[in-house]
């Protein structure tokens, strides 16, 4: 039976179909695995995007916090000058208010001491001249108050003006620090926004490229599976056709051999016949004598 199956091509046809099916199954499995790997890679890209965005956000927040703290520390250095400026603002009325200036003199021991010294000198000089009650002496005593008060008032006005100037400068410095800090923080935020956009864009591009490549791989594998099945069917058909042809050729040869065989009344002649004949030969025995030694040869012990 094995010879018949080989002769007719059934074994080769079955082997071709089996090989095609195995190759198709393997290619299909590879396509499934490629799809799974593609999904996993997509998930990895998404996870990488999430991590990168988190790192960018954390870095930006950290930088903004550091800038904010640095700005506060720098601004705090000008707080004492700002406080002096505030005191100057609170005393600014003294610059033009006579009542404030009078109250300042009344509560200033330096004014009292200076005025007392000036009056003592004036009285001593007037007594030496006998003019204690003279008009010029009284006029000089009034002048002593103005002469003593004027420098003190001017000094106080200058001190208040200096406080206002320092406060204004401190306010300007603190405002500049605040503006620079805000600008730097805004730049960091803008940079973060651009980086986030780049991350989203790059991730989308990478995912699209990965999906396209994975789809192409899956398509190629599925195409290989179909090609393997087609090759198996073609191999099956070719093997069947070759087997049929081989069987026909063998049948023709057998038929030809029996058609040229001599007749012995139903007996089968030996494979080697006189005259070089045999199965399939064209030996004609009808013209030969039955015991013709020329035709059959010489036998030992007789003819």
Protein backbone atom coordinates (compact mmCIF):
# COMPACT_ATOMS: atom_id res chain seq x y z
CA UNK A 1 0.00 0.00 0.00
CA UNK A 2 2.89 2.36 0.73
CA UNK A 3 4.20 1.81 -2.80
CA UNK A 4 0.77 2.62 -4.23
CA UNK A 5 0.52 5.80 -2.11
CA UNK A 6 3.96 6.92 -3.23
CA UNK A 7 3.15 5.96 -6.80
CA UNK A 8 -0.07 7.97 -6.87
CA UNK A 9 1.50 10.98 -5.00
CA UNK A 10 -0.86 10.81 -2.02
CA UNK A 11 1.96 10.95 0.53
CA UNK A 12 3.59 13.93 -1.18
CA UNK A 13 0.23 15.72 -1.49
CA UNK A 14 -0.56 15.16 2.18
CA UNK A 15 2.92 16.32 3.19
CA UNK A 16 2.52 19.47 1.11
CA UNK A 17 -0.84 20.27 2.74
CA UNK A 18 0.54 19.57 6.24
CA UNK A 19 3.59 21.73 5.61
CA UNK A 20 1.40 24.56 4.34
CA UNK A 21 -0.88 24.32 7.36
CA UNK A 22 2.05 24.28 9.79
CA UNK A 23 3.63 27.28 8.12
CA UNK A 24 0.27 29.07 8.07
CA UNK A 25 -0.35 28.34 11.76
CA UNK A 26 3.12 29.54 12.69
CA UNK A 27 2.75 32.70 10.62
CA UNK A 28 -0.67 33.37 12.16
CA UNK A 29 0.73 32.83 15.67
CA UNK A 30 3.58 35.19 14.85
CA UNK A 31 1.04 37.76 13.68
CA UNK A 32 -0.87 37.43 16.96
CA UNK A 33 2.35 37.79 18.95
CA UNK A 34 3.34 40.80 16.85
CA UNK A 35 -0.02 42.40 17.65
CA UNK A 36 0.45 41.75 21.37
CA UNK A 37 3.99 43.14 21.29
CA UNK A 38 2.72 46.20 19.43
CA UNK A 39 0.08 46.82 22.10
CA UNK A 40 2.67 46.39 24.84
CA UNK A 41 5.00 48.85 23.12
CA UNK A 42 2.14 51.33 22.78
CA UNK A 43 1.49 50.99 26.50
CA UNK A 44 5.20 51.49 27.23
CA UNK A 45 5.22 54.66 25.15
CA UNK A 46 2.16 55.94 27.01
CA UNK A 47 3.80 55.14 30.34
CA UNK A 48 7.02 56.85 29.27
CA UNK A 49 5.01 59.92 28.29
CA UNK A 50 3.28 59.99 31.67
CA UNK A 51 6.59 59.66 33.51
CA UNK A 52 8.25 62.33 31.39
CA UNK A 53 5.37 64.75 31.92
CA UNK A 54 5.50 64.10 35.66
CA UNK A 55 9.25 64.78 35.71
CA UNK A 56 8.81 68.00 33.74
CA UNK A 57 5.98 69.14 35.98
CA UNK A 58 7.95 68.33 39.12
CA UNK A 59 11.03 70.12 37.82
CA UNK A 60 9.05 73.20 36.85
CA UNK A 61 7.26 73.37 40.19
CA UNK A 62 10.55 72.90 42.01
CA UNK A 63 12.21 75.66 39.99
CA UNK A 64 9.27 77.99 40.59
CA UNK A 65 9.41 77.31 44.31
CA UNK A 66 13.14 77.98 44.41
CA UNK A 67 12.69 81.21 42.49
CA UNK A 68 9.87 82.26 44.78
CA UNK A 69 11.95 81.59 47.89
CA UNK A 70 14.96 83.38 46.42
CA UNK A 71 12.78 86.35 45.52
CA UNK A 72 11.34 86.51 49.02
CA UNK A 73 14.80 86.27 50.57
CA UNK A 74 16.17 89.00 48.31
CA UNK A 75 13.17 91.20 48.94
CA UNK A 76 13.50 90.62 52.66
CA UNK A 77 16.95 92.19 52.61
CA UNK A 78 15.29 95.53 51.84
CA UNK A 79 12.68 95.22 54.59
CA UNK A 80 14.64 97.38 57.11
CA UNK A 81 14.97 100.16 54.56
CA UNK A 82 11.31 99.80 53.72
CA UNK A 83 10.50 100.15 57.43
CA UNK A 84 12.61 103.32 57.63
CA UNK A 85 10.73 104.61 54.63
CA UNK A 86 7.46 103.83 56.37
CA UNK A 87 8.59 105.83 59.39
CA UNK A 88 9.47 108.68 57.06
CA UNK A 89 5.98 108.51 55.58
CA UNK A 90 4.46 108.63 59.06
CA UNK A 91 6.54 111.75 59.90
CA UNK A 92 6.23 113.43 56.52
CA UNK A 93 3.79 116.00 57.96
CA UNK A 94 6.68 117.52 59.92
CA UNK A 95 8.20 118.84 56.67
CA UNK A 96 5.52 121.51 56.23
CA UNK A 97 3.43 121.56 59.44
CA UNK A 98 4.49 124.29 61.96
CA UNK A 99 2.53 122.67 64.77
CA UNK A 100 4.41 119.42 64.22
CA UNK A 101 7.66 121.35 64.25
CA UNK A 102 6.70 123.18 67.47
CA UNK A 103 5.76 119.93 69.17
CA UNK A 104 9.09 118.48 68.02
CA UNK A 105 11.00 121.39 69.64
CA UNK A 106 9.06 121.20 72.88
CA UNK A 107 9.93 117.55 73.25
CA UNK A 108 13.54 117.93 72.14
CA UNK A 109 16.02 118.33 75.03
CA UNK A 110 18.68 119.59 72.65
CA UNK A 111 16.48 122.55 71.81
CA UNK A 112 15.94 123.39 75.45
CA UNK A 113 19.62 123.08 76.25
CA UNK A 114 20.67 125.20 73.26
CA UNK A 115 18.06 127.83 74.02
CA UNK A 116 19.10 128.01 77.66
CA UNK A 117 22.76 128.47 76.74
CA UNK A 118 21.94 131.19 74.21
CA UNK A 119 19.70 133.08 76.68
CA UNK A 120 22.32 132.84 79.42
CA UNK A 121 24.94 134.37 77.19
CA UNK A 122 22.57 137.12 76.09
CA UNK A 123 21.59 137.99 79.67
CA UNK A 124 25.19 138.00 80.84
CA UNK A 125 26.19 140.36 78.06
CA UNK A 126 23.19 142.58 78.75
CA UNK A 127 23.95 142.68 82.48
CA UNK A 128 27.50 143.66 81.81
CA UNK A 129 26.17 146.59 79.86
CA UNK A 130 23.27 147.28 82.18
CA UNK A 131 20.68 146.46 79.56
CA UNK A 132 18.84 143.51 80.96
CA UNK A 133 15.47 145.13 80.36
CA UNK A 134 16.39 146.91 77.17
CA UNK A 135 14.48 146.24 73.96
CA UNK A 136 17.48 144.97 72.13
CA UNK A 137 18.02 142.40 74.85
CA UNK A 138 14.42 141.16 74.58
CA UNK A 139 14.76 141.05 70.79
CA UNK A 140 17.93 138.99 71.08
CA UNK A 141 16.20 136.54 73.41
CA UNK A 142 13.50 135.99 70.76
CA UNK A 143 16.16 135.53 68.13
CA UNK A 144 17.84 132.97 70.33
CA UNK A 145 14.75 130.70 70.03
CA UNK A 146 14.71 130.89 66.25
CA UNK A 147 18.47 130.46 65.97
CA UNK A 148 18.39 127.42 68.19
CA UNK A 149 15.29 125.86 66.55
CA UNK A 150 16.21 126.35 62.88
CA UNK A 151 19.14 123.89 62.71
CA UNK A 152 17.22 121.27 64.64
CA UNK A 153 14.17 121.57 62.39
CA UNK A 154 16.36 121.41 59.25
CA UNK A 155 18.14 118.32 60.54
CA UNK A 156 14.85 116.63 61.31
CA UNK A 157 13.51 117.50 57.88
CA UNK A 158 16.63 116.06 56.23
CA UNK A 159 16.36 112.89 58.31
CA UNK A 160 12.74 112.41 57.30
CA UNK A 161 13.61 113.08 53.65
CA UNK A 162 16.39 110.51 53.80
CA UNK A 163 14.00 107.98 55.25
CA UNK A 164 11.55 108.62 52.44
CA UNK A 165 14.34 108.22 49.86
CA UNK A 166 15.55 104.95 51.37
CA UNK A 167 12.00 103.66 51.55
CA UNK A 168 11.38 104.56 47.95
CA UNK A 169 14.59 102.86 46.84
CA UNK A 170 13.75 99.78 48.89
CA UNK A 171 10.28 99.65 47.38
CA UNK A 172 11.74 99.92 43.88
CA UNK A 173 14.22 97.14 44.58
CA UNK A 174 11.56 94.88 46.03
CA UNK A 175 9.25 95.60 43.10
CA UNK A 176 12.07 94.81 40.66
CA UNK A 177 12.81 91.55 42.46
CA UNK A 178 9.13 90.63 42.38
CA UNK A 179 8.87 91.42 38.67
CA UNK A 180 12.01 89.45 37.81
CA UNK A 181 10.84 86.50 39.89
CA UNK A 182 7.44 86.55 38.21
CA UNK A 183 9.04 86.83 34.76
CA UNK A 184 11.37 83.92 35.45
CA UNK A 185 8.52 81.82 36.77
CA UNK A 186 6.46 82.69 33.71
CA UNK A 187 9.36 81.65 31.48
CA UNK A 188 9.61 78.34 33.30
CA UNK A 189 5.88 77.82 32.93
CA UNK A 190 6.02 78.67 29.22
CA UNK A 191 8.99 76.37 28.75
CA UNK A 192 7.12 73.62 30.57
CA UNK A 193 4.15 74.14 28.28
CA UNK A 194 6.36 73.86 25.21
CA UNK A 195 8.09 70.77 26.56
CA UNK A 196 4.75 69.16 27.38
CA UNK A 197 3.56 69.89 23.84
CA UNK A 198 6.75 68.33 22.46
CA UNK A 199 6.26 65.24 24.61
CA UNK A 200 2.67 64.84 23.44
CA UNK A 201 3.69 65.39 19.82
CA UNK A 202 6.65 63.02 19.94
CA UNK A 203 4.62 60.35 21.70
CA UNK A 204 1.87 60.63 19.10
CA UNK A 205 4.41 60.38 16.26
CA UNK A 206 6.16 57.41 17.87
CA UNK A 207 2.87 55.65 18.51
CA UNK A 208 1.75 56.28 14.94
CA UNK A 209 5.05 54.97 13.56
CA UNK A 210 4.89 51.97 15.86
CA UNK A 211 1.30 51.24 14.90
CA UNK A 212 2.12 51.54 11.20
CA UNK A 213 5.16 49.30 11.51
CA UNK A 214 3.29 46.77 13.62
CA UNK A 215 0.37 46.75 11.20
CA UNK A 216 2.78 46.18 8.33
CA UNK A 217 4.43 43.30 10.22
CA UNK A 218 1.08 41.72 11.02
CA UNK A 219 0.00 42.15 7.40
CA UNK A 220 3.20 40.53 6.16
CA UNK A 221 2.80 37.63 8.56
CA UNK A 222 -0.82 37.09 7.62
CA UNK A 223 0.22 37.31 3.98
CA UNK A 224 2.87 34.68 4.66
CA UNK A 225 0.20 32.48 6.26
CA UNK A 226 -2.01 32.80 3.20
CA UNK A 227 0.96 32.17 0.92
CA UNK A 228 1.89 29.07 2.91
CA UNK A 229 -1.63 27.71 2.61
CA UNK A 230 -1.67 28.50 -1.08
CA UNK A 231 1.72 26.83 -1.53
CA UNK A 232 0.42 23.74 0.28
CA UNK A 233 -2.62 23.54 -1.97
CA UNK A 234 -0.47 24.05 -5.05
CA UNK A 235 1.95 21.39 -3.79
CA UNK A 236 -0.99 19.09 -3.14
CA UNK A 237 -2.28 19.56 -6.68
CA UNK A 238 1.17 19.13 -8.18
CA UNK A 239 1.81 15.94 -6.20
CA UNK A 240 -1.56 14.49 -7.22
CA UNK A 241 -0.95 15.38 -10.84
CA UNK A 242 2.58 13.90 -10.73
CA UNK A 243 1.23 10.75 -9.07
CA UNK A 244 -1.47 10.36 -11.68
CA UNK A 245 1.09 10.80 -14.45
CA UNK A 246 3.43 8.26 -12.88
CA UNK A 247 0.59 5.73 -12.57
CA UNK A 248 -0.43 6.24 -16.17
CA UNK A 249 3.16 5.83 -17.37
CA UNK A 250 3.58 2.65 -15.37
CA UNK A 251 0.30 1.28 -16.67
CA UNK A 252 1.31 2.04 -20.21
CA UNK A 253 4.64 0.28 -19.75
CA UNK A 254 2.99 -2.81 -18.25
CA UNK A 255 0.39 -2.92 -20.99
CA UNK A 256 3.08 -2.61 -23.63
CA UNK A 257 5.11 -5.38 -22.06
CA UNK A 258 2.19 -7.84 -21.99
CA UNK A 259 1.14 -6.91 -25.52
CA UNK A 260 4.50 -8.04 -26.94
CA UNK A 261 4.76 -11.26 -24.88
CA UNK A 262 4.61 -14.74 -26.78
CA UNK A 263 1.84 -17.21 -26.10
CA UNK A 264 2.65 -20.64 -24.44
CA UNK A 265 -0.86 -21.92 -24.05
CA UNK A 266 -1.34 -19.99 -20.90
CA UNK A 267 2.15 -20.74 -19.51
CA UNK A 268 4.47 -17.86 -18.68
CA UNK A 269 7.75 -17.97 -20.59
CA UNK A 270 11.04 -17.47 -18.83
CA UNK A 271 12.46 -13.96 -18.69
CA UNK A 272 15.21 -14.80 -21.21
CA UNK A 273 14.12 -16.22 -24.49
CA UNK A 274 16.12 -17.50 -27.43
CA UNK A 275 16.97 -14.85 -29.88
CA UNK A 276 17.38 -12.30 -27.09
CA UNK A 277 13.64 -12.13 -26.43
CA UNK A 278 11.94 -11.51 -23.16
CA UNK A 279 9.01 -9.60 -21.70
CA UNK A 280 8.16 -6.89 -24.13
CA UNK A 281 10.38 -8.29 -26.92
CA UNK A 282 9.21 -8.77 -30.48
CA UNK A 283 10.31 -12.44 -30.70
CA UNK A 284 8.05 -14.46 -32.97
CA UNK A 285 8.03 -18.17 -31.95
CA UNK A 286 5.61 -19.33 -34.59
CA UNK A 287 8.42 -19.66 -37.14
CA UNK A 288 10.67 -21.70 -34.87
CA UNK A 289 10.55 -25.57 -34.63
CA UNK A 290 9.70 -26.85 -31.24
CA UNK A 291 12.92 -28.85 -30.91
CA UNK A 292 15.12 -26.91 -33.22
CA UNK A 293 18.51 -26.85 -31.65
CA UNK A 294 19.36 -23.77 -33.54
CA UNK A 295 16.59 -21.93 -31.86
CA UNK A 296 16.80 -23.51 -28.41
CA UNK A 297 20.48 -24.43 -28.20
CA UNK A 298 22.19 -27.77 -27.44
CA UNK A 299 21.35 -29.48 -24.20
CA UNK A 300 23.76 -31.85 -22.52
CA UNK A 301 23.11 -35.49 -23.28
CA UNK A 302 21.11 -34.90 -26.43
CA UNK A 303 19.60 -32.52 -28.92
